[in-house]
């Protein structure tokens, strides 16, 4: 395993461990142990399929399934942190609509290719929910913005999905036409954005102690 992958998995595992710390102080964070456990499980299955079983084309099916769960859990988190009842309903109803649309895209394009269109659809919607949430964070007495878990979660999610939007659109093309460039893009862009995402998550979990 190379260093970028080892660092990525290390940050993911650290974030998973720290997520349990947040449960004591903030019930809205309860989705993260499950989400991060599923992330670790997904990467373990992909690693097994790619290297041990040598089912290289087939492993993308795991990501097609994972994005459905990830979107649903993140939407649930933003629902819990949104006081606007109309927005909560919109986010809630977006979940089944996304699952249906994303599944249709997967069937149409095939489950054995990188789910770039699915990820971009999820990213587009999550960017909207995150941006609205970020601009409606309520200040808390004696706490700076940088001590609020919701701020760090929002920054991590917004950075990841905004940064990966163009990557998702071209990655499959480069896989088919320039595998070395695709590998480089994955290492620098996708892995780099994951570093930011899980670092922000870890900071958010640590910051929940301020909510006692």
C-alpha atoms as a PDB file:
ATOM      1  CA  UNK A   1       0.000   0.000   0.000  1.00  0.00           C
ATOM      2  CA  UNK A   2       1.442   3.381  -1.006  1.00  0.00           C
ATOM      3  CA  UNK A   3       1.712   6.390   1.299  1.00  0.00           C
ATOM      4  CA  UNK A   4      -1.287   8.408  -0.064  1.00  0.00           C
ATOM      5  CA  UNK A   5      -3.604   5.420   0.442  1.00  0.00           C
ATOM      6  CA  UNK A   6      -2.159   4.671   3.877  1.00  0.00           C
ATOM      7  CA  UNK A   7      -2.621   8.318   4.925  1.00  0.00           C
ATOM      8  CA  UNK A   8      -6.171   8.345   3.574  1.00  0.00           C
ATOM      9  CA  UNK A   9      -7.132   5.181   5.469  1.00  0.00           C
ATOM     10  CA  UNK A  10      -5.351   6.429   8.588  1.00  0.00           C
ATOM     11  CA  UNK A  11      -7.318   9.697   8.600  1.00  0.00           C
ATOM     12  CA  UNK A  12     -10.543   7.814   7.887  1.00  0.00           C
ATOM     13  CA  UNK A  13      -9.930   5.421  10.777  1.00  0.00           C
ATOM     14  CA  UNK A  14      -8.950   8.266  13.138  1.00  0.00           C
ATOM     15  CA  UNK A  15     -12.132  10.130  12.207  1.00  0.00           C
ATOM     16  CA  UNK A  16     -14.166   6.957  12.832  1.00  0.00           C
ATOM     17  CA  UNK A  17     -12.690   6.547  16.335  1.00  0.00           C
ATOM     18  CA  UNK A  18     -13.206  10.223  17.201  1.00  0.00           C
ATOM     19  CA  UNK A  19     -16.804  10.130  15.964  1.00  0.00           C
ATOM     20  CA  UNK A  20     -17.817   8.125  19.033  1.00  0.00           C
ATOM     21  CA  UNK A  21     -16.575  10.979  21.220  1.00  0.00           C
ATOM     22  CA  UNK A  22     -19.177  13.289  19.706  1.00  0.00           C
ATOM     23  CA  UNK A  23     -22.154  11.083  20.604  1.00  0.00           C
ATOM     24  CA  UNK A  24     -22.022  12.149  24.242  1.00  0.00           C
ATOM     25  CA  UNK A  25     -22.539  15.818  23.425  1.00  0.00           C
ATOM     26  CA  UNK A  26     -24.445  16.102  20.145  1.00  0.00           C
ATOM     27  CA  UNK A  27     -27.134  13.648  19.066  1.00  0.00           C
ATOM     28  CA  UNK A  28     -27.185  14.989  15.506  1.00  0.00           C
ATOM     29  CA  UNK A  29     -23.670  13.542  15.072  1.00  0.00           C
ATOM     30  CA  UNK A  30     -24.903   9.985  15.539  1.00  0.00           C
ATOM     31  CA  UNK A  31     -24.897   9.330  11.817  1.00  0.00           C
ATOM     32  CA  UNK A  32     -21.118   9.656  11.593  1.00  0.00           C
ATOM     33  CA  UNK A  33     -19.979   6.446  13.325  1.00  0.00           C
ATOM     34  CA  UNK A  34     -22.256   4.555  10.928  1.00  0.00           C
ATOM     35  CA  UNK A  35     -21.208   6.590   7.888  1.00  0.00           C
ATOM     36  CA  UNK A  36     -17.497   6.230   8.625  1.00  0.00           C
ATOM     37  CA  UNK A  37     -17.837   2.531   9.441  1.00  0.00           C
ATOM     38  CA  UNK A  38     -19.514   2.030   6.062  1.00  0.00           C
ATOM     39  CA  UNK A  39     -16.703   4.037   4.433  1.00  0.00           C
ATOM     40  CA  UNK A  40     -14.082   1.771   6.004  1.00  0.00           C
ATOM     41  CA  UNK A  41     -16.056  -1.329   5.041  1.00  0.00           C
ATOM     42  CA  UNK A  42     -16.458  -0.081   1.478  1.00  0.00           C
ATOM     43  CA  UNK A  43     -12.721   0.549   1.121  1.00  0.00           C
ATOM     44  CA  UNK A  44     -11.946  -2.896   2.596  1.00  0.00           C
ATOM     45  CA  UNK A  45     -14.277  -4.607   0.102  1.00  0.00           C
ATOM     46  CA  UNK A  46     -12.839  -2.595  -2.798  1.00  0.00           C
ATOM     47  CA  UNK A  47      -9.281  -3.440  -1.706  1.00  0.00           C
ATOM     48  CA  UNK A  48     -10.217  -7.140  -1.511  1.00  0.00           C
ATOM     49  CA  UNK A  49     -11.895  -7.149  -4.925  1.00  0.00           C
ATOM     50  CA  UNK A  50      -9.142  -5.140  -6.645  1.00  0.00           C
ATOM     51  CA  UNK A  51      -6.039  -6.798  -5.243  1.00  0.00           C
ATOM     52  CA  UNK A  52      -6.989 -10.172  -3.780  1.00  0.00           C
ATOM     53  CA  UNK A  53      -9.742 -11.312  -6.139  1.00  0.00           C
ATOM     54  CA  UNK A  54      -8.478  -9.238  -9.107  1.00  0.00           C
ATOM     55  CA  UNK A  55     -12.027  -8.165  -9.997  1.00  0.00           C
ATOM     56  CA  UNK A  56     -10.840  -4.753 -11.132  1.00  0.00           C
ATOM     57  CA  UNK A  57     -13.804  -3.638 -13.301  1.00  0.00           C
ATOM     58  CA  UNK A  58     -16.411  -4.995 -10.882  1.00  0.00           C
ATOM     59  CA  UNK A  59     -15.394  -3.093  -7.745  1.00  0.00           C
ATOM     60  CA  UNK A  60     -17.062   0.157  -8.890  1.00  0.00           C
ATOM     61  CA  UNK A  61     -20.454  -1.407  -8.115  1.00  0.00           C
ATOM     62  CA  UNK A  62     -19.631  -0.921  -4.423  1.00  0.00           C
ATOM     63  CA  UNK A  63     -19.353   2.847  -4.922  1.00  0.00           C
ATOM     64  CA  UNK A  64     -22.667   2.932  -6.806  1.00  0.00           C
ATOM     65  CA  UNK A  65     -24.330   1.462  -3.716  1.00  0.00           C
ATOM     66  CA  UNK A  66     -22.334   3.468  -1.174  1.00  0.00           C
ATOM     67  CA  UNK A  67     -23.266   6.873  -2.619  1.00  0.00           C
ATOM     68  CA  UNK A  68     -26.964   6.098  -2.000  1.00  0.00           C
ATOM     69  CA  UNK A  69     -26.295   5.494   1.696  1.00  0.00           C
ATOM     70  CA  UNK A  70     -23.877   8.404   2.060  1.00  0.00           C
ATOM     71  CA  UNK A  71     -26.306  10.884   0.535  1.00  0.00           C
ATOM     72  CA  UNK A  72     -29.170   9.660   2.729  1.00  0.00           C
ATOM     73  CA  UNK A  73     -27.148   9.912   5.951  1.00  0.00           C
ATOM     74  CA  UNK A  74     -25.741  13.362   5.168  1.00  0.00           C
ATOM     75  CA  UNK A  75     -29.219  14.619   4.322  1.00  0.00           C
ATOM     76  CA  UNK A  76     -30.474  13.298   7.642  1.00  0.00           C
ATOM     77  CA  UNK A  77     -27.665  15.188   9.422  1.00  0.00           C
ATOM     78  CA  UNK A  78     -28.509  18.472   7.676  1.00  0.00           C
ATOM     79  CA  UNK A  79     -32.204  17.928   8.401  1.00  0.00           C
ATOM     80  CA  UNK A  80     -31.432  17.729  12.113  1.00  0.00           C
ATOM     81  CA  UNK A  81     -29.394  20.921  11.918  1.00  0.00           C
ATOM     82  CA  UNK A  82     -31.935  22.950   9.937  1.00  0.00           C
ATOM     83  CA  UNK A  83     -34.712  24.846  11.732  1.00  0.00           C
ATOM     84  CA  UNK A  84     -36.514  25.842   8.550  1.00  0.00           C
ATOM     85  CA  UNK A  85     -39.381  23.346   8.284  1.00  0.00           C
ATOM     86  CA  UNK A  86     -39.795  23.842   4.528  1.00  0.00           C
ATOM     87  CA  UNK A  87     -36.119  23.129   3.910  1.00  0.00           C
ATOM     88  CA  UNK A  88     -36.276  20.040   6.122  1.00  0.00           C
ATOM     89  CA  UNK A  89     -39.122  18.703   3.977  1.00  0.00           C
ATOM     90  CA  UNK A  90     -37.234  19.437   0.743  1.00  0.00           C
ATOM     91  CA  UNK A  91     -34.138  17.642   2.022  1.00  0.00           C
ATOM     92  CA  UNK A  92     -36.262  14.729   3.235  1.00  0.00           C
ATOM     93  CA  UNK A  93     -38.035  14.268  -0.097  1.00  0.00           C
ATOM     94  CA  UNK A  94     -34.780  14.628  -2.017  1.00  0.00           C
ATOM     95  CA  UNK A  95     -33.578  11.328  -0.532  1.00  0.00           C
ATOM     96  CA  UNK A  96     -36.006   8.958  -2.351  1.00  0.00           C
ATOM     97  CA  UNK A  97     -35.775  11.085  -5.494  1.00  0.00           C
ATOM     98  CA  UNK A  98     -31.998  10.850  -5.446  1.00  0.00           C
ATOM     99  CA  UNK A  99     -32.054   7.093  -4.828  1.00  0.00           C
ATOM    100  CA  UNK A 100     -34.405   6.563  -7.782  1.00  0.00           C
ATOM    101  CA  UNK A 101     -32.465   8.894 -10.100  1.00  0.00           C
ATOM    102  CA  UNK A 102     -29.046   7.591  -9.102  1.00  0.00           C
ATOM    103  CA  UNK A 103     -30.182   3.975  -9.522  1.00  0.00           C
ATOM    104  CA  UNK A 104     -31.552   4.801 -12.973  1.00  0.00           C
ATOM    105  CA  UNK A 105     -28.216   6.415 -13.927  1.00  0.00           C
ATOM    106  CA  UNK A 106     -26.341   3.336 -12.706  1.00  0.00           C
ATOM    107  CA  UNK A 107     -28.569   1.010 -14.726  1.00  0.00           C
ATOM    108  CA  UNK A 108     -28.223   3.177 -17.829  1.00  0.00           C
ATOM    109  CA  UNK A 109     -24.433   3.701 -17.646  1.00  0.00           C
ATOM    110  CA  UNK A 110     -23.568   0.385 -16.017  1.00  0.00           C
ATOM    111  CA  UNK A 111     -22.433  -0.559 -12.527  1.00  0.00           C
ATOM    112  CA  UNK A 112     -18.892  -1.428 -13.613  1.00  0.00           C
ATOM    113  CA  UNK A 113     -17.763   2.125 -14.410  1.00  0.00           C
ATOM    114  CA  UNK A 114     -16.858   4.960 -12.058  1.00  0.00           C
ATOM    115  CA  UNK A 115     -20.138   6.556 -10.810  1.00  0.00           C
ATOM    116  CA  UNK A 116     -19.110  10.095 -11.696  1.00  0.00           C
ATOM    117  CA  UNK A 117     -22.598  11.236 -12.699  1.00  0.00           C
ATOM    118  CA  UNK A 118     -24.096   9.816  -9.497  1.00  0.00           C
ATOM    119  CA  UNK A 119     -21.448  11.529  -7.366  1.00  0.00           C
ATOM    120  CA  UNK A 120     -21.949  14.849  -9.127  1.00  0.00           C
ATOM    121  CA  UNK A 121     -25.722  14.697  -8.672  1.00  0.00           C
ATOM    122  CA  UNK A 122     -25.243  13.963  -4.972  1.00  0.00           C
ATOM    123  CA  UNK A 123     -22.569  16.644  -4.765  1.00  0.00           C
ATOM    124  CA  UNK A 124     -24.734  19.285  -6.429  1.00  0.00           C
ATOM    125  CA  UNK A 125     -27.562  18.706  -3.958  1.00  0.00           C
ATOM    126  CA  UNK A 126     -25.324  18.396  -0.900  1.00  0.00           C
ATOM    127  CA  UNK A 127     -23.512  21.623  -1.818  1.00  0.00           C
ATOM    128  CA  UNK A 128     -26.898  23.387  -1.750  1.00  0.00           C
ATOM    129  CA  UNK A 129     -27.885  21.934   1.654  1.00  0.00           C
ATOM    130  CA  UNK A 130     -24.417  22.613   3.079  1.00  0.00           C
ATOM    131  CA  UNK A 131     -24.254  26.207   1.843  1.00  0.00           C
ATOM    132  CA  UNK A 132     -27.673  27.035   3.284  1.00  0.00           C
ATOM    133  CA  UNK A 133     -26.705  25.411   6.587  1.00  0.00           C
ATOM    134  CA  UNK A 134     -23.359  27.198   6.702  1.00  0.00           C
ATOM    135  CA  UNK A 135     -24.928  30.627   6.260  1.00  0.00           C
ATOM    136  CA  UNK A 136     -27.562  29.907   8.902  1.00  0.00           C
ATOM    137  CA  UNK A 137     -25.344  28.663  11.711  1.00  0.00           C
ATOM    138  CA  UNK A 138     -26.541  30.292  14.889  1.00  0.00           C
ATOM    139  CA  UNK A 139     -23.795  31.822  17.028  1.00  0.00           C
ATOM    140  CA  UNK A 140     -23.440  30.454  20.531  1.00  0.00           C
ATOM    141  CA  UNK A 141     -22.528  32.454  23.583  1.00  0.00           C
ATOM    142  CA  UNK A 142     -18.827  32.336  24.484  1.00  0.00           C
ATOM    143  CA  UNK A 143     -18.025  30.123  21.488  1.00  0.00           C
ATOM    144  CA  UNK A 144     -16.269  31.221  18.331  1.00  0.00           C
ATOM    145  CA  UNK A 145     -17.372  29.898  14.955  1.00  0.00           C
ATOM    146  CA  UNK A 146     -14.274  27.677  14.890  1.00  0.00           C
ATOM    147  CA  UNK A 147     -15.482  25.824  17.973  1.00  0.00           C
ATOM    148  CA  UNK A 148     -18.770  24.776  16.375  1.00  0.00           C
ATOM    149  CA  UNK A 149     -18.872  21.193  15.011  1.00  0.00           C
ATOM    150  CA  UNK A 150     -21.463  22.134  12.382  1.00  0.00           C
ATOM    151  CA  UNK A 151     -19.045  24.678  10.925  1.00  0.00           C
ATOM    152  CA  UNK A 152     -16.283  22.085  10.435  1.00  0.00           C
ATOM    153  CA  UNK A 153     -18.651  19.451   9.057  1.00  0.00           C
ATOM    154  CA  UNK A 154     -20.033  21.995   6.573  1.00  0.00           C
ATOM    155  CA  UNK A 155     -16.575  23.199   5.512  1.00  0.00           C
ATOM    156  CA  UNK A 156     -15.323  19.636   5.012  1.00  0.00           C
ATOM    157  CA  UNK A 157     -18.350  18.521   2.996  1.00  0.00           C
ATOM    158  CA  UNK A 158     -18.459  21.729   0.927  1.00  0.00           C
ATOM    159  CA  UNK A 159     -14.738  21.539   0.112  1.00  0.00           C
ATOM    160  CA  UNK A 160     -14.887  17.871  -0.821  1.00  0.00           C
ATOM    161  CA  UNK A 161     -17.904  18.014  -3.112  1.00  0.00           C
ATOM    162  CA  UNK A 162     -16.991  21.347  -4.703  1.00  0.00           C
ATOM    163  CA  UNK A 163     -13.438  20.198  -5.397  1.00  0.00           C
ATOM    164  CA  UNK A 164     -14.388  16.770  -6.719  1.00  0.00           C
ATOM    165  CA  UNK A 165     -17.120  17.996  -9.074  1.00  0.00           C
ATOM    166  CA  UNK A 166     -14.890  18.375 -12.154  1.00  0.00           C
ATOM    167  CA  UNK A 167     -12.782  15.350 -11.196  1.00  0.00           C
ATOM    168  CA  UNK A 168     -15.864  13.123 -11.232  1.00  0.00           C
ATOM    169  CA  UNK A 169     -16.824  14.332 -14.675  1.00  0.00           C
ATOM    170  CA  UNK A 170     -13.547  13.405 -16.403  1.00  0.00           C
ATOM    171  CA  UNK A 171     -12.202  10.520 -14.324  1.00  0.00           C
ATOM    172  CA  UNK A 172     -13.894   7.712 -16.271  1.00  0.00           C
ATOM    173  CA  UNK A 173     -12.665   9.209 -19.556  1.00  0.00           C
ATOM    174  CA  UNK A 174      -9.081   9.174 -18.333  1.00  0.00           C
ATOM    175  CA  UNK A 175      -9.466   5.637 -16.962  1.00  0.00           C
ATOM    176  CA  UNK A 176     -10.344   4.496 -20.476  1.00  0.00           C
ATOM    177  CA  UNK A 177      -7.858   6.666 -22.378  1.00  0.00           C
ATOM    178  CA  UNK A 178      -4.957   7.516 -20.065  1.00  0.00           C
ATOM    179  CA  UNK A 179      -4.760   5.237 -17.030  1.00  0.00           C
ATOM    180  CA  UNK A 180      -1.571   6.842 -15.693  1.00  0.00           C
ATOM    181  CA  UNK A 181      -3.147  10.299 -15.685  1.00  0.00           C
ATOM    182  CA  UNK A 182      -6.271   8.842 -14.071  1.00  0.00           C
ATOM    183  CA  UNK A 183      -4.125   7.325 -11.335  1.00  0.00           C
ATOM    184  CA  UNK A 184      -2.384  10.654 -10.793  1.00  0.00           C
ATOM    185  CA  UNK A 185      -5.667  12.568 -10.642  1.00  0.00           C
ATOM    186  CA  UNK A 186      -7.049  10.126  -8.116  1.00  0.00           C
ATOM    187  CA  UNK A 187      -3.941  10.435  -5.960  1.00  0.00           C
ATOM    188  CA  UNK A 188      -3.678  14.211  -6.001  1.00  0.00           C
ATOM    189  CA  UNK A 189      -7.265  15.407  -6.280  1.00  0.00           C
ATOM    190  CA  UNK A 190      -9.550  12.741  -4.847  1.00  0.00           C
ATOM    191  CA  UNK A 191      -7.222  11.600  -2.074  1.00  0.00           C
ATOM    192  CA  UNK A 192      -6.270  15.208  -1.273  1.00  0.00           C
ATOM    193  CA  UNK A 193      -9.912  16.199  -0.895  1.00  0.00           C
ATOM    194  CA  UNK A 194     -10.511  13.181   1.321  1.00  0.00           C
ATOM    195  CA  UNK A 195      -7.650  14.344   3.552  1.00  0.00           C
ATOM    196  CA  UNK A 196      -9.447  17.665   3.985  1.00  0.00           C
ATOM    197  CA  UNK A 197     -12.840  15.998   4.540  1.00  0.00           C
ATOM    198  CA  UNK A 198     -11.724  13.609   7.274  1.00  0.00           C
ATOM    199  CA  UNK A 199      -9.522  16.194   8.941  1.00  0.00           C
ATOM    200  CA  UNK A 200     -12.509  18.550   9.178  1.00  0.00           C
ATOM    201  CA  UNK A 201     -14.666  15.707  10.502  1.00  0.00           C
ATOM    202  CA  UNK A 202     -12.083  14.912  13.182  1.00  0.00           C
ATOM    203  CA  UNK A 203     -11.903  18.562  14.257  1.00  0.00           C
ATOM    204  CA  UNK A 204     -15.713  18.670  14.428  1.00  0.00           C
ATOM    205  CA  UNK A 205     -15.835  15.589  16.660  1.00  0.00           C
ATOM    206  CA  UNK A 206     -13.257  17.093  19.003  1.00  0.00           C
ATOM    207  CA  UNK A 207     -15.183  20.375  19.114  1.00  0.00           C
ATOM    208  CA  UNK A 208     -18.361  18.699  20.352  1.00  0.00           C
ATOM    209  CA  UNK A 209     -16.960  18.858  23.898  1.00  0.00           C
ATOM    210  CA  UNK A 210     -17.820  22.575  23.844  1.00  0.00           C
ATOM    211  CA  UNK A 211     -21.515  21.700  23.601  1.00  0.00           C
ATOM    212  CA  UNK A 212     -21.758  20.232  27.109  1.00  0.00           C
END
